[in-house]
Amino acid sequence: MEVRLKILTLLASMSAVPAQACFSGQPQDLEIFRKAQMVIRAKVERYEQQPKTHSALFDLELVKTLETRGPLLRIPRITARWRNSTFGEPAQWDGPRDVIVGLRAVIDRDGTAQVEIVQQPCSLRSILADAPENVDRILAVLQNSNAE
């Protein structure tokens, strides 16, 4: 619990995101990873759809931290919420087990801090397969962000 609190505190100190509505699908844009406070390679250990909140929970086993804004935390497991803006969370996870995700902290309306997976509005999942070409593409976006 103490580890989760540290993650939430670190990530919560850097976030504020407005809501958007979807009217049409958008092409995938990896720029969404610039909004992450931490980008990781991980294994999906558990997935649970949350129909009442139009979200899902992932238990992720950390494989490697690709990028972080703030201190590098060595946390073996992270529980993160995923809100697919198309309300298309599957009942069972049908994506890859080895993934790359961007994480950020959010504060719910009730004041609860959560770790959340970044998701591009109205687009394909921003949960990518952990493949060398995806790592290269994401790191290129993040390096361009750091150069600006």
C-alpha atoms as a PDB file:
ATOM      1  CA  MET A   1       0.000   0.000   0.000  1.00  0.00           C
ATOM      2  CA  GLU A   2       2.859   2.391   0.801  1.00  0.00           C
ATOM      3  CA  VAL A   3       4.367   1.821  -2.652  1.00  0.00           C
ATOM      4  CA  ARG A   4       1.044   2.580  -4.363  1.00  0.00           C
ATOM      5  CA  LEU A   5       0.724   5.776  -2.342  1.00  0.00           C
ATOM      6  CA  LYS A   6       4.196   6.866  -3.480  1.00  0.00           C
ATOM      7  CA  ILE A   7       3.303   6.236  -7.128  1.00  0.00           C
ATOM      8  CA  LEU A   8       0.011   8.089  -6.820  1.00  0.00           C
ATOM      9  CA  THR A   9       1.630  11.017  -5.031  1.00  0.00           C
ATOM     10  CA  LEU A  10       4.352  11.304  -7.664  1.00  0.00           C
ATOM     11  CA  LEU A  11       1.996  11.051 -10.607  1.00  0.00           C
ATOM     12  CA  ALA A  12      -0.792  13.168  -9.095  1.00  0.00           C
ATOM     13  CA  SER A  13       1.558  16.084  -8.680  1.00  0.00           C
ATOM     14  CA  MET A  14       1.783  16.386 -12.466  1.00  0.00           C
ATOM     15  CA  SER A  15      -1.722  16.012 -13.927  1.00  0.00           C
ATOM     16  CA  ALA A  16      -4.872  17.799 -15.021  1.00  0.00           C
ATOM     17  CA  VAL A  17      -6.795  16.722 -18.141  1.00  0.00           C
ATOM     18  CA  PRO A  18     -10.116  17.993 -19.555  1.00  0.00           C
ATOM     19  CA  ALA A  19     -12.843  15.585 -20.735  1.00  0.00           C
ATOM     20  CA  GLN A  20     -13.789  15.188 -24.414  1.00  0.00           C
ATOM     21  CA  ALA A  21     -16.647  13.524 -26.280  1.00  0.00           C
ATOM     22  CA  CYS A  22     -16.198  11.233 -29.324  1.00  0.00           C
ATOM     23  CA  PHE A  23     -18.027  11.948 -32.548  1.00  0.00           C
ATOM     24  CA  SER A  24     -15.746  10.053 -34.930  1.00  0.00           C
ATOM     25  CA  GLY A  25     -12.694   7.815 -34.753  1.00  0.00           C
ATOM     26  CA  GLN A  26      -9.256   9.389 -34.977  1.00  0.00           C
ATOM     27  CA  PRO A  27      -6.083   7.786 -36.314  1.00  0.00           C
ATOM     28  CA  GLN A  28      -3.668   6.599 -33.651  1.00  0.00           C
ATOM     29  CA  ASP A  29      -1.152   9.246 -32.629  1.00  0.00           C
ATOM     30  CA  LEU A  30       1.691   8.259 -30.328  1.00  0.00           C
ATOM     31  CA  GLU A  31       1.960  11.882 -29.152  1.00  0.00           C
ATOM     32  CA  ILE A  32      -0.391  10.769 -26.341  1.00  0.00           C
ATOM     33  CA  PHE A  33       2.657   9.241 -24.662  1.00  0.00           C
ATOM     34  CA  ARG A  34       3.937  12.799 -24.077  1.00  0.00           C
ATOM     35  CA  LYS A  35       1.111  13.166 -21.541  1.00  0.00           C
ATOM     36  CA  ALA A  36       2.394  10.207 -19.534  1.00  0.00           C
ATOM     37  CA  GLN A  37       4.429  10.773 -16.423  1.00  0.00           C
ATOM     38  CA  MET A  38       5.883   7.297 -16.780  1.00  0.00           C
ATOM     39  CA  VAL A  39       6.170   4.992 -19.813  1.00  0.00           C
ATOM     40  CA  ILE A  40       6.753   1.332 -19.063  1.00  0.00           C
ATOM     41  CA  ARG A  41       7.077  -2.091 -20.594  1.00  0.00           C
ATOM     42  CA  ALA A  42       4.961  -4.528 -18.585  1.00  0.00           C
ATOM     43  CA  LYS A  43       3.157  -7.857 -18.495  1.00  0.00           C
ATOM     44  CA  VAL A  44      -0.615  -7.891 -18.075  1.00  0.00           C
ATOM     45  CA  GLU A  45      -1.226 -10.014 -14.976  1.00  0.00           C
ATOM     46  CA  ARG A  46      -4.920  -9.259 -14.507  1.00  0.00           C
ATOM     47  CA  TYR A  47      -7.656  -7.390 -16.331  1.00  0.00           C
ATOM     48  CA  GLU A  48     -11.061  -6.532 -14.908  1.00  0.00           C
ATOM     49  CA  GLN A  49     -13.770  -4.651 -16.754  1.00  0.00           C
ATOM     50  CA  GLN A  50     -15.605  -2.029 -14.667  1.00  0.00           C
ATOM     51  CA  PRO A  51     -18.919  -1.533 -16.580  1.00  0.00           C
ATOM     52  CA  LYS A  52     -20.434   0.969 -14.137  1.00  0.00           C
ATOM     53  CA  THR A  53     -17.544   3.401 -14.642  1.00  0.00           C
ATOM     54  CA  HIS A  54     -16.826   2.592 -18.309  1.00  0.00           C
ATOM     55  CA  SER A  55     -13.293   1.634 -17.392  1.00  0.00           C
ATOM     56  CA  ALA A  56     -11.103  -1.380 -16.714  1.00  0.00           C
ATOM     57  CA  LEU A  57      -8.394  -2.204 -14.189  1.00  0.00           C
ATOM     58  CA  PHE A  58      -5.050  -3.687 -15.138  1.00  0.00           C
ATOM     59  CA  ASP A  59      -2.546  -5.309 -12.794  1.00  0.00           C
ATOM     60  CA  LEU A  60       0.774  -4.821 -14.529  1.00  0.00           C
ATOM     61  CA  GLU A  61       4.097  -6.467 -13.722  1.00  0.00           C
ATOM     62  CA  LEU A  62       6.840  -3.943 -14.468  1.00  0.00           C
ATOM     63  CA  VAL A  63       9.449  -5.182 -16.955  1.00  0.00           C
ATOM     64  CA  LYS A  64      11.296  -1.917 -17.648  1.00  0.00           C
ATOM     65  CA  THR A  65      10.777   1.823 -17.275  1.00  0.00           C
ATOM     66  CA  LEU A  66      11.339   3.522 -20.624  1.00  0.00           C
ATOM     67  CA  GLU A  67      10.763   7.108 -19.476  1.00  0.00           C
ATOM     68  CA  THR A  68       9.817   8.905 -16.286  1.00  0.00           C
ATOM     69  CA  ARG A  69       9.296  12.497 -15.209  1.00  0.00           C
ATOM     70  CA  GLY A  70      10.485  12.449 -11.659  1.00  0.00           C
ATOM     71  CA  PRO A  71      12.398   9.873  -9.635  1.00  0.00           C
ATOM     72  CA  LEU A  72      12.710   6.364 -11.022  1.00  0.00           C
ATOM     73  CA  LEU A  73      10.585   4.101  -8.867  1.00  0.00           C
ATOM     74  CA  ARG A  74      11.307   0.379  -8.887  1.00  0.00           C
ATOM     75  CA  ILE A  75       7.860  -0.995  -8.233  1.00  0.00           C
ATOM     76  CA  PRO A  76       7.257  -4.574  -9.345  1.00  0.00           C
ATOM     77  CA  ARG A  77       3.442  -4.316  -9.728  1.00  0.00           C
ATOM     78  CA  ILE A  78       1.180  -1.440 -10.660  1.00  0.00           C
ATOM     79  CA  THR A  79      -2.618  -1.353 -10.742  1.00  0.00           C
ATOM     80  CA  ALA A  80      -3.811   1.121 -13.356  1.00  0.00           C
ATOM     81  CA  ARG A  81      -7.221   2.186 -14.596  1.00  0.00           C
ATOM     82  CA  TRP A  82      -7.911   2.399 -18.316  1.00  0.00           C
ATOM     83  CA  ARG A  83     -10.690   4.577 -19.667  1.00  0.00           C
ATOM     84  CA  ASN A  84     -11.170   3.899 -23.347  1.00  0.00           C
ATOM     85  CA  SER A  85     -12.830   7.062 -24.632  1.00  0.00           C
ATOM     86  CA  THR A  86     -14.974   5.021 -27.035  1.00  0.00           C
ATOM     87  CA  PHE A  87     -16.429   3.092 -24.049  1.00  0.00           C
ATOM     88  CA  GLY A  88     -15.075  -0.013 -25.769  1.00  0.00           C
ATOM     89  CA  GLU A  89     -13.468  -1.848 -22.874  1.00  0.00           C
ATOM     90  CA  PRO A  90     -13.700  -5.565 -23.664  1.00  0.00           C
ATOM     91  CA  ALA A  91     -15.204  -7.952 -21.095  1.00  0.00           C
ATOM     92  CA  GLN A  92     -11.926  -9.900 -21.233  1.00  0.00           C
ATOM     93  CA  TRP A  93      -8.543  -8.549 -22.270  1.00  0.00           C
ATOM     94  CA  ASP A  94      -8.047  -9.482 -25.912  1.00  0.00           C
ATOM     95  CA  GLY A  95      -4.827  -7.580 -26.476  1.00  0.00           C
ATOM     96  CA  PRO A  96      -1.191  -8.562 -25.990  1.00  0.00           C
ATOM     97  CA  ARG A  97       0.117  -9.815 -22.650  1.00  0.00           C
ATOM     98  CA  ASP A  98       3.414  -7.949 -23.073  1.00  0.00           C
ATOM     99  CA  VAL A  99       2.567  -4.253 -23.398  1.00  0.00           C
ATOM    100  CA  ILE A 100       3.896  -0.721 -23.480  1.00  0.00           C
ATOM    101  CA  VAL A 101       1.765   1.816 -21.633  1.00  0.00           C
ATOM    102  CA  GLY A 102       1.991   5.415 -20.545  1.00  0.00           C
ATOM    103  CA  LEU A 103       0.871   6.117 -16.972  1.00  0.00           C
ATOM    104  CA  ARG A 104      -0.265   9.286 -15.285  1.00  0.00           C
ATOM    105  CA  ALA A 105      -2.000  10.195 -12.065  1.00  0.00           C
ATOM    106  CA  VAL A 106      -5.512  11.541 -12.003  1.00  0.00           C
ATOM    107  CA  ILE A 107      -7.741  12.760  -9.216  1.00  0.00           C
ATOM    108  CA  ASP A 108     -11.323  11.481  -9.379  1.00  0.00           C
ATOM    109  CA  ARG A 109     -14.310  13.697  -8.640  1.00  0.00           C
ATOM    110  CA  ASP A 110     -14.420  12.266  -5.128  1.00  0.00           C
ATOM    111  CA  GLY A 111     -10.785  13.274  -4.534  1.00  0.00           C
ATOM    112  CA  THR A 112      -9.327   9.761  -4.881  1.00  0.00           C
ATOM    113  CA  ALA A 113      -5.969   9.522  -6.665  1.00  0.00           C
ATOM    114  CA  GLN A 114      -5.637   6.838  -9.342  1.00  0.00           C
ATOM    115  CA  VAL A 115      -2.905   5.636 -11.692  1.00  0.00           C
ATOM    116  CA  GLU A 116      -4.364   5.764 -15.185  1.00  0.00           C
ATOM    117  CA  ILE A 117      -3.198   4.510 -18.579  1.00  0.00           C
ATOM    118  CA  VAL A 118      -3.015   7.376 -21.083  1.00  0.00           C
ATOM    119  CA  GLN A 119      -5.552   6.998 -23.871  1.00  0.00           C
ATOM    120  CA  GLN A 120      -5.882   9.084 -26.993  1.00  0.00           C
ATOM    121  CA  PRO A 121      -9.486  10.329 -27.235  1.00  0.00           C
ATOM    122  CA  CYS A 122     -11.694   8.708 -29.884  1.00  0.00           C
ATOM    123  CA  SER A 123      -8.944   6.459 -31.195  1.00  0.00           C
ATOM    124  CA  LEU A 124      -7.482   2.977 -31.121  1.00  0.00           C
ATOM    125  CA  ARG A 125      -6.104   1.660 -27.848  1.00  0.00           C
ATOM    126  CA  SER A 126      -2.994   3.394 -26.570  1.00  0.00           C
ATOM    127  CA  ILE A 127      -1.925   0.071 -25.052  1.00  0.00           C
ATOM    128  CA  LEU A 128       0.689  -1.223 -27.468  1.00  0.00           C
ATOM    129  CA  ALA A 129       2.345  -4.580 -27.927  1.00  0.00           C
ATOM    130  CA  ASP A 130       5.835  -4.685 -26.427  1.00  0.00           C
ATOM    131  CA  ALA A 131       7.655  -4.995 -29.733  1.00  0.00           C
ATOM    132  CA  PRO A 132      10.977  -3.384 -30.750  1.00  0.00           C
ATOM    133  CA  GLU A 133       9.327  -1.207 -33.420  1.00  0.00           C
ATOM    134  CA  ASN A 134       6.816   0.173 -30.895  1.00  0.00           C
ATOM    135  CA  VAL A 135       9.572   0.894 -28.358  1.00  0.00           C
ATOM    136  CA  ASP A 136      11.526   2.756 -31.060  1.00  0.00           C
ATOM    137  CA  ARG A 137       8.479   4.761 -32.190  1.00  0.00           C
ATOM    138  CA  ILE A 138       7.534   5.790 -28.642  1.00  0.00           C
ATOM    139  CA  LEU A 139      11.105   6.688 -27.662  1.00  0.00           C
ATOM    140  CA  ALA A 140      11.394   8.842 -30.813  1.00  0.00           C
ATOM    141  CA  VAL A 141       8.237  10.761 -29.819  1.00  0.00           C
ATOM    142  CA  LEU A 142       9.501  11.194 -26.254  1.00  0.00           C
ATOM    143  CA  GLN A 143      12.983  12.298 -27.377  1.00  0.00           C
ATOM    144  CA  ASN A 144      11.454  14.901 -29.698  1.00  0.00           C
ATOM    145  CA  SER A 145       9.402  16.101 -26.714  1.00  0.00           C
ATOM    146  CA  ASN A 146      12.533  16.424 -24.563  1.00  0.00           C
ATOM    147  CA  ALA A 147      14.364  18.334 -27.311  1.00  0.00           C
ATOM    148  CA  GLU A 148      11.692  21.053 -27.465  1.00  0.00           C
END
